Amino acid sequence: MHLTSRADSSLSLVSSSQGTNFAEAMALRSISRRFGSRVLSYRSSSVASLHSHATSFGFQQVKEEEKRKLVGNVFSNVASSYDIMNDVMSGGLHRLWKERLVGKLSPFAGMKHLDVAGGTGDVAFRIFDAVNSVKRRALRKVDEDSLEETQIYVCDINPNMLNVGKQRAAERGLGDNKSLVWVEGDAEALSFDDNSMDGYTIAFGIRNVTHIEKALAEAYRVLKRGGRFLCLELSHVDIPVFKDVYDLYSFKVIPNLGELIAGDRESYQYLVESIRRFPPQEKFATMIADAGFEKVEYENLVGGVVAIHSAIKL
């Protein structure tokens, strides 16, 4: 197992769930002092549900079978305003983060790629553009046959998000392009064959699945040997003063923006809560390695507001 970290973060393996739970408790207590009692109510229900089939939906504890429906409702509600809200919440930085993700992928003509939780097509379009770049084609002496063999599968569990992506593809003149394939599917139970994909990306999606381990296992299964796994996700800020500002922005500003722009405060309240429930960078890197991947590393962007985790199936 090979684990490394990059940029402004160092990697230390988390070997004790007790230590992780203690750190989680301290973090939740700190947030609850500043932003209300909902966090503490989550903590109480969490303890009461230790031996049940429960999972988190933001700071709420819900049954596993309920989470899929609740998350589905969130994305059905925000689908039409999803890209606008990403621009507003990140000040447009999400575009640069996705460019960085695709740059790490190094797309090539003829590749078979799977973008999971990518319904609106934001990542898939960037991969398509990279493959079809005139400059890249000239450097690699790509022929037209290779371009036509390229398959970029956009997989999302939510049909409303996929419909937004298909509409955007049509607006780009790509509605009938055979390189873009839109698939309704579950990250935890993919419909693709073993060892069938050259690359796998998931951006701002893996924290919404019920079982992260299952999603990682599926990513490993469908990738070919030598295939690349890349995950862009909102993550954890450890810089003290910046963390306080980020928490204030997350809990006080983002839900209000959701209400003002998308008419949906609750969905964006879930968003900021789900980030805090997602494993820290080091822990998530360990989970990726436990799924079988090698050369696991991550890069923090904007002090850990987001992180890109990468790995290879050898």
Protein backbone atom coordinates (compact mmCIF):
# COMPACT_ATOMS: atom_id res chain seq x y z
CA MET A 1 0.00 0.00 0.00
CA HIS A 2 1.46 3.34 -1.07
CA LEU A 3 0.01 6.51 0.43
CA THR A 4 1.27 10.03 -0.14
CA SER A 5 -0.08 13.53 0.31
CA ARG A 6 0.58 16.66 -1.65
CA ALA A 7 0.23 20.43 -1.44
CA ASP A 8 -0.51 21.86 2.04
CA SER A 9 -1.32 18.66 3.89
CA SER A 10 0.59 15.76 5.44
CA LEU A 11 -0.79 12.23 5.57
CA SER A 12 -1.06 10.18 8.73
CA LEU A 13 -2.94 6.88 8.80
CA VAL A 14 -5.88 6.64 11.14
CA SER A 15 -5.52 3.29 12.85
CA SER A 16 -8.05 3.70 15.63
CA SER A 17 -11.77 4.27 15.20
CA GLN A 18 -11.79 5.44 18.81
CA GLY A 19 -9.42 8.26 17.91
CA THR A 20 -11.52 9.16 14.91
CA ASN A 21 -14.71 9.21 16.96
CA PHE A 22 -13.07 11.44 19.58
CA ALA A 23 -11.89 13.88 16.94
CA GLU A 24 -15.35 13.85 15.36
CA ALA A 25 -16.98 14.55 18.70
CA MET A 26 -14.67 17.50 19.38
CA ALA A 27 -15.27 18.94 15.93
CA LEU A 28 -19.05 18.60 16.21
CA ARG A 29 -19.02 20.13 19.69
CA SER A 30 -17.00 23.10 18.43
CA ILE A 31 -19.41 23.67 15.54
CA SER A 32 -22.46 23.26 17.80
CA ARG A 33 -21.28 26.03 20.13
CA ARG A 34 -21.32 28.48 17.22
CA PHE A 35 -24.10 27.28 14.98
CA GLY A 36 -26.83 25.77 17.13
CA SER A 37 -28.08 22.63 18.82
CA ARG A 38 -28.80 20.53 15.74
CA VAL A 39 -25.28 19.10 15.89
CA LEU A 40 -25.71 17.95 19.49
CA SER A 41 -29.07 16.38 18.69
CA TYR A 42 -27.32 14.49 15.88
CA ARG A 43 -24.68 13.29 18.32
CA SER A 44 -27.27 12.01 20.77
CA SER A 45 -29.20 10.12 18.10
CA SER A 46 -25.92 8.72 16.78
CA VAL A 47 -25.09 7.12 20.12
CA ALA A 48 -28.59 5.69 20.40
CA SER A 49 -28.32 4.12 16.94
CA LEU A 50 -24.91 2.47 17.17
CA HIS A 51 -26.34 -1.02 16.81
CA SER A 52 -28.97 -0.24 14.15
CA HIS A 53 -28.65 0.01 10.38
CA ALA A 54 -28.39 3.78 10.51
CA THR A 55 -26.40 6.32 8.56
CA SER A 56 -26.00 10.06 8.44
CA PHE A 57 -27.98 12.52 6.36
CA GLY A 58 -26.14 15.70 7.20
CA PHE A 59 -26.27 15.91 10.99
CA GLN A 60 -29.40 13.77 11.14
CA GLN A 61 -29.28 10.05 11.81
CA VAL A 62 -31.58 8.11 9.46
CA LYS A 63 -32.15 4.55 8.37
CA GLU A 64 -30.01 3.45 5.45
CA GLU A 65 -32.99 2.85 3.22
CA GLU A 66 -34.19 6.42 3.87
CA LYS A 67 -30.95 8.14 2.93
CA ARG A 68 -31.14 7.30 -0.76
CA LYS A 69 -34.62 8.82 -0.98
CA LEU A 70 -33.62 11.92 1.00
CA VAL A 71 -30.50 12.54 -1.09
CA GLY A 72 -32.55 11.95 -4.24
CA ASN A 73 -35.01 14.61 -3.12
CA VAL A 74 -32.16 17.06 -2.51
CA PHE A 75 -30.77 16.72 -6.03
CA SER A 76 -34.19 16.67 -7.67
CA ASN A 77 -34.86 19.98 -5.92
CA VAL A 78 -31.55 21.63 -6.88
CA ALA A 79 -30.98 20.15 -10.37
CA SER A 80 -32.12 23.20 -12.34
CA SER A 81 -30.02 25.62 -10.27
CA TYR A 82 -27.12 23.29 -9.50
CA ASP A 83 -24.48 24.87 -11.75
CA ILE A 84 -25.51 28.44 -10.88
CA MET A 85 -25.26 27.67 -7.18
CA ASN A 86 -21.83 26.09 -7.67
CA ASP A 87 -20.66 29.32 -9.29
CA VAL A 88 -22.13 31.47 -6.53
CA MET A 89 -20.95 29.35 -3.59
CA SER A 90 -17.40 28.91 -4.86
CA GLY A 91 -17.00 32.25 -6.61
CA GLY A 92 -16.47 30.29 -9.81
CA LEU A 93 -13.55 28.34 -8.35
CA HIS A 94 -15.29 25.00 -8.93
CA ARG A 95 -14.46 25.45 -12.61
CA LEU A 96 -10.74 25.59 -11.85
CA TRP A 97 -11.01 22.63 -9.49
CA LYS A 98 -12.65 20.53 -12.21
CA GLU A 99 -10.01 21.61 -14.72
CA ARG A 100 -7.38 20.43 -12.24
CA LEU A 101 -9.20 17.10 -11.87
CA VAL A 102 -9.32 16.53 -15.63
CA GLY A 103 -5.70 17.61 -15.97
CA LYS A 104 -4.69 14.86 -13.56
CA LEU A 105 -6.70 12.35 -15.59
CA SER A 106 -4.79 13.09 -18.82
CA PRO A 107 -7.62 12.03 -21.17
CA PHE A 108 -6.73 10.35 -24.45
CA ALA A 109 -8.53 9.48 -27.67
CA GLY A 110 -10.17 6.07 -27.66
CA MET A 111 -10.44 5.90 -23.86
CA LYS A 112 -13.39 4.42 -22.03
CA HIS A 113 -14.15 6.69 -19.11
CA LEU A 114 -16.77 6.65 -16.37
CA ASP A 115 -17.84 9.85 -14.62
CA VAL A 116 -20.04 8.99 -11.64
CA ALA A 117 -22.48 11.44 -10.02
CA GLY A 118 -21.80 13.64 -13.03
CA GLY A 119 -25.36 14.22 -14.20
CA THR A 120 -25.02 17.84 -15.33
CA GLY A 121 -22.05 16.89 -17.50
CA ASP A 122 -19.64 19.47 -16.11
CA VAL A 123 -16.73 17.03 -15.81
CA ALA A 124 -17.68 14.94 -18.85
CA PHE A 125 -17.70 17.98 -21.14
CA ARG A 126 -14.22 18.92 -19.95
CA ILE A 127 -12.95 15.41 -20.66
CA PHE A 128 -14.59 15.49 -24.09
CA ASP A 129 -13.00 18.86 -24.86
CA ALA A 130 -9.59 17.63 -23.71
CA VAL A 131 -9.77 14.54 -25.92
CA ASN A 132 -10.87 16.60 -28.91
CA SER A 133 -8.41 19.44 -28.35
CA VAL A 134 -6.73 20.32 -31.66
CA LYS A 135 -3.41 20.90 -29.92
CA ARG A 136 -3.56 17.60 -28.04
CA ARG A 137 -4.55 15.72 -31.20
CA ALA A 138 -1.62 17.22 -33.09
CA LEU A 139 0.87 16.35 -30.36
CA ARG A 140 -0.34 12.77 -30.10
CA LYS A 141 -1.03 12.32 -33.84
CA VAL A 142 -4.55 11.16 -33.12
CA ASP A 143 -6.59 9.76 -35.99
CA GLU A 144 -10.34 10.17 -36.45
CA ASP A 145 -11.03 6.48 -35.78
CA SER A 146 -9.55 6.77 -32.29
CA LEU A 147 -11.68 9.81 -31.58
CA GLU A 148 -14.82 7.97 -32.62
CA GLU A 149 -13.95 5.09 -30.29
CA THR A 150 -13.87 7.41 -27.26
CA GLN A 151 -16.67 6.65 -24.79
CA ILE A 152 -17.41 8.94 -21.84
CA TYR A 153 -20.16 7.48 -19.67
CA VAL A 154 -22.00 9.97 -17.47
CA CYS A 155 -23.59 7.97 -14.65
CA ASP A 156 -25.97 9.51 -12.12
CA ILE A 157 -28.63 8.04 -9.88
CA ASN A 158 -30.85 11.09 -10.32
CA PRO A 159 -32.76 11.41 -13.63
CA ASN A 160 -33.34 15.13 -13.09
CA MET A 161 -29.60 15.79 -12.97
CA LEU A 162 -29.10 13.68 -16.10
CA ASN A 163 -31.81 15.64 -17.90
CA VAL A 164 -29.94 18.87 -17.13
CA GLY A 165 -26.78 17.32 -18.57
CA LYS A 166 -28.52 16.13 -21.73
CA GLN A 167 -30.01 19.57 -22.24
CA ARG A 168 -26.59 21.18 -21.83
CA ALA A 169 -25.14 18.69 -24.32
CA ALA A 170 -27.82 19.63 -26.84
CA GLU A 171 -27.05 23.32 -26.33
CA ARG A 172 -23.40 22.55 -27.12
CA GLY A 173 -24.35 20.70 -30.29
CA LEU A 174 -23.45 17.37 -28.67
CA GLY A 175 -26.95 15.98 -28.22
CA ASP A 176 -26.37 13.16 -30.70
CA ASN A 177 -22.65 12.71 -30.10
CA LYS A 178 -21.91 9.01 -29.63
CA SER A 179 -18.90 9.66 -27.39
CA LEU A 180 -21.18 10.90 -24.59
CA VAL A 181 -23.36 8.19 -23.05
CA TRP A 182 -25.89 9.10 -20.34
CA VAL A 183 -26.66 6.32 -17.83
CA GLU A 184 -28.97 6.31 -14.82
CA GLY A 185 -27.16 4.20 -12.24
CA ASP A 186 -26.07 3.71 -8.65
CA ALA A 187 -22.42 4.31 -7.63
CA GLU A 188 -22.73 1.37 -5.22
CA ALA A 189 -23.97 -1.07 -7.89
CA LEU A 190 -22.64 -0.07 -11.29
CA SER A 191 -23.97 -1.79 -14.41
CA PHE A 192 -20.59 -1.80 -16.19
CA ASP A 193 -18.38 -4.86 -16.76
CA ASP A 194 -15.30 -5.69 -14.73
CA ASN A 195 -12.04 -4.19 -16.04
CA SER A 196 -13.87 -2.11 -18.67
CA MET A 197 -12.83 1.50 -17.94
CA ASP A 198 -9.59 3.41 -18.44
CA GLY A 199 -10.61 6.11 -15.99
CA TYR A 200 -13.11 6.86 -13.22
CA THR A 201 -13.99 10.29 -11.87
CA ILE A 202 -16.46 11.42 -9.24
CA ALA A 203 -16.81 15.10 -8.34
CA PHE A 204 -18.80 16.28 -5.32
CA GLY A 205 -20.69 13.01 -5.24
CA ILE A 206 -19.10 10.35 -3.09
CA ARG A 207 -20.06 11.94 0.22
CA ASN A 208 -23.72 11.48 -0.77
CA VAL A 209 -23.62 7.70 -1.12
CA THR A 210 -24.82 5.51 1.73
CA HIS A 211 -21.79 3.19 1.74
CA ILE A 212 -18.56 4.84 0.61
CA GLU A 213 -16.74 1.50 0.77
CA LYS A 214 -19.15 -0.04 -1.75
CA ALA A 215 -18.73 2.87 -4.15
CA LEU A 216 -14.93 2.53 -3.94
CA ALA A 217 -15.14 -1.24 -4.46
CA GLU A 218 -17.26 -0.68 -7.57
CA ALA A 219 -14.80 1.91 -8.88
CA TYR A 220 -11.99 -0.63 -8.45
CA ARG A 221 -14.02 -3.39 -10.11
CA VAL A 222 -14.84 -1.52 -13.31
CA LEU A 223 -11.38 -0.04 -13.85
CA LYS A 224 -8.85 -1.80 -16.05
CA ARG A 225 -5.37 -2.57 -14.74
CA GLY A 226 -3.53 0.72 -14.92
CA GLY A 227 -6.84 2.63 -14.75
CA ARG A 228 -6.95 5.89 -12.84
CA PHE A 229 -9.32 6.80 -10.00
CA LEU A 230 -9.89 10.50 -9.28
CA CYS A 231 -12.22 12.03 -6.71
CA LEU A 232 -12.88 15.75 -6.23
CA GLU A 233 -14.70 16.41 -2.99
CA LEU A 234 -15.39 19.17 -0.49
CA SER A 235 -13.20 18.33 2.45
CA HIS A 236 -11.79 19.53 5.79
CA VAL A 237 -9.95 22.76 6.58
CA ASP A 238 -7.33 22.54 9.33
CA ILE A 239 -5.91 26.08 9.26
CA PRO A 240 -7.34 27.55 12.53
CA VAL A 241 -8.38 31.09 11.54
CA PHE A 242 -9.40 30.08 8.01
CA LYS A 243 -11.43 27.20 9.43
CA ASP A 244 -13.45 29.61 11.60
CA VAL A 245 -14.18 31.83 8.59
CA TYR A 246 -15.06 28.80 6.46
CA ASP A 247 -17.44 27.44 9.13
CA LEU A 248 -19.13 30.82 9.41
CA TYR A 249 -19.54 31.05 5.63
CA SER A 250 -20.78 27.45 5.40
CA PHE A 251 -23.42 27.56 8.11
CA LYS A 252 -24.55 31.17 7.92
CA VAL A 253 -24.14 32.15 4.26
CA ILE A 254 -24.59 29.06 2.05
CA PRO A 255 -28.08 28.06 3.32
CA ASN A 256 -29.22 31.68 2.87
CA LEU A 257 -27.84 31.69 -0.69
CA GLY A 258 -29.71 28.47 -1.36
CA GLU A 259 -32.93 30.03 -0.17
CA LEU A 260 -32.36 33.25 -2.13
CA ILE A 261 -31.22 31.76 -5.46
CA ALA A 262 -32.65 28.25 -5.54
CA GLY A 263 -35.58 28.74 -3.17
CA ASP A 264 -34.30 25.80 -1.13
CA ARG A 265 -32.59 26.39 2.19
CA GLU A 266 -32.81 22.84 3.50
CA SER A 267 -30.94 21.22 0.61
CA TYR A 268 -27.98 23.55 1.12
CA GLN A 269 -28.13 23.06 4.88
CA TYR A 270 -27.69 19.36 4.12
CA LEU A 271 -24.78 20.22 1.82
CA VAL A 272 -22.71 21.93 4.50
CA GLU A 273 -23.58 19.30 7.10
CA SER A 274 -22.66 16.43 4.76
CA ILE A 275 -19.19 17.93 4.28
CA ARG A 276 -18.56 17.77 8.03
CA ARG A 277 -19.69 14.14 8.11
CA PHE A 278 -17.38 13.12 5.25
CA PRO A 279 -14.10 11.43 6.32
CA PRO A 280 -11.03 13.68 6.63
CA GLN A 281 -8.50 13.56 3.80
CA GLU A 282 -6.22 11.04 5.54
CA LYS A 283 -9.04 8.68 6.46
CA PHE A 284 -10.52 8.79 2.97
CA ALA A 285 -7.11 8.04 1.46
CA THR A 286 -6.91 4.98 3.70
CA MET A 287 -10.35 3.85 2.54
CA ILE A 288 -9.23 4.13 -1.09
CA ALA A 289 -6.16 2.01 -0.35
CA ASP A 290 -8.30 -0.54 1.50
CA ALA A 291 -10.40 -0.91 -1.66
CA GLY A 292 -7.29 -2.23 -3.41
CA PHE A 293 -5.90 0.87 -5.08
CA GLU A 294 -2.20 1.72 -5.19
CA LYS A 295 -0.28 5.00 -5.37
CA VAL A 296 -2.96 6.77 -3.36
CA GLU A 297 -2.39 10.47 -2.87
CA TYR A 298 -4.35 13.64 -2.36
CA GLU A 299 -3.95 17.32 -3.03
CA ASN A 300 -5.61 20.00 -0.94
CA LEU A 301 -6.94 23.06 -2.75
CA VAL A 302 -7.81 26.34 -1.01
CA GLY A 303 -6.46 25.08 2.30
CA GLY A 304 -8.54 21.89 2.26
CA VAL A 305 -11.89 23.36 1.25
CA VAL A 306 -11.67 20.76 -1.49
CA ALA A 307 -9.31 17.85 -2.06
CA ILE A 308 -8.49 15.74 -5.09
CA HIS A 309 -7.73 12.12 -4.23
CA SER A 310 -6.09 9.99 -6.90
CA ALA A 311 -5.07 6.36 -7.18
CA ILE A 312 -4.31 3.63 -9.70
CA LYS A 313 -5.51 0.05 -10.08
CA LEU A 314 -2.42 -2.05 -10.64
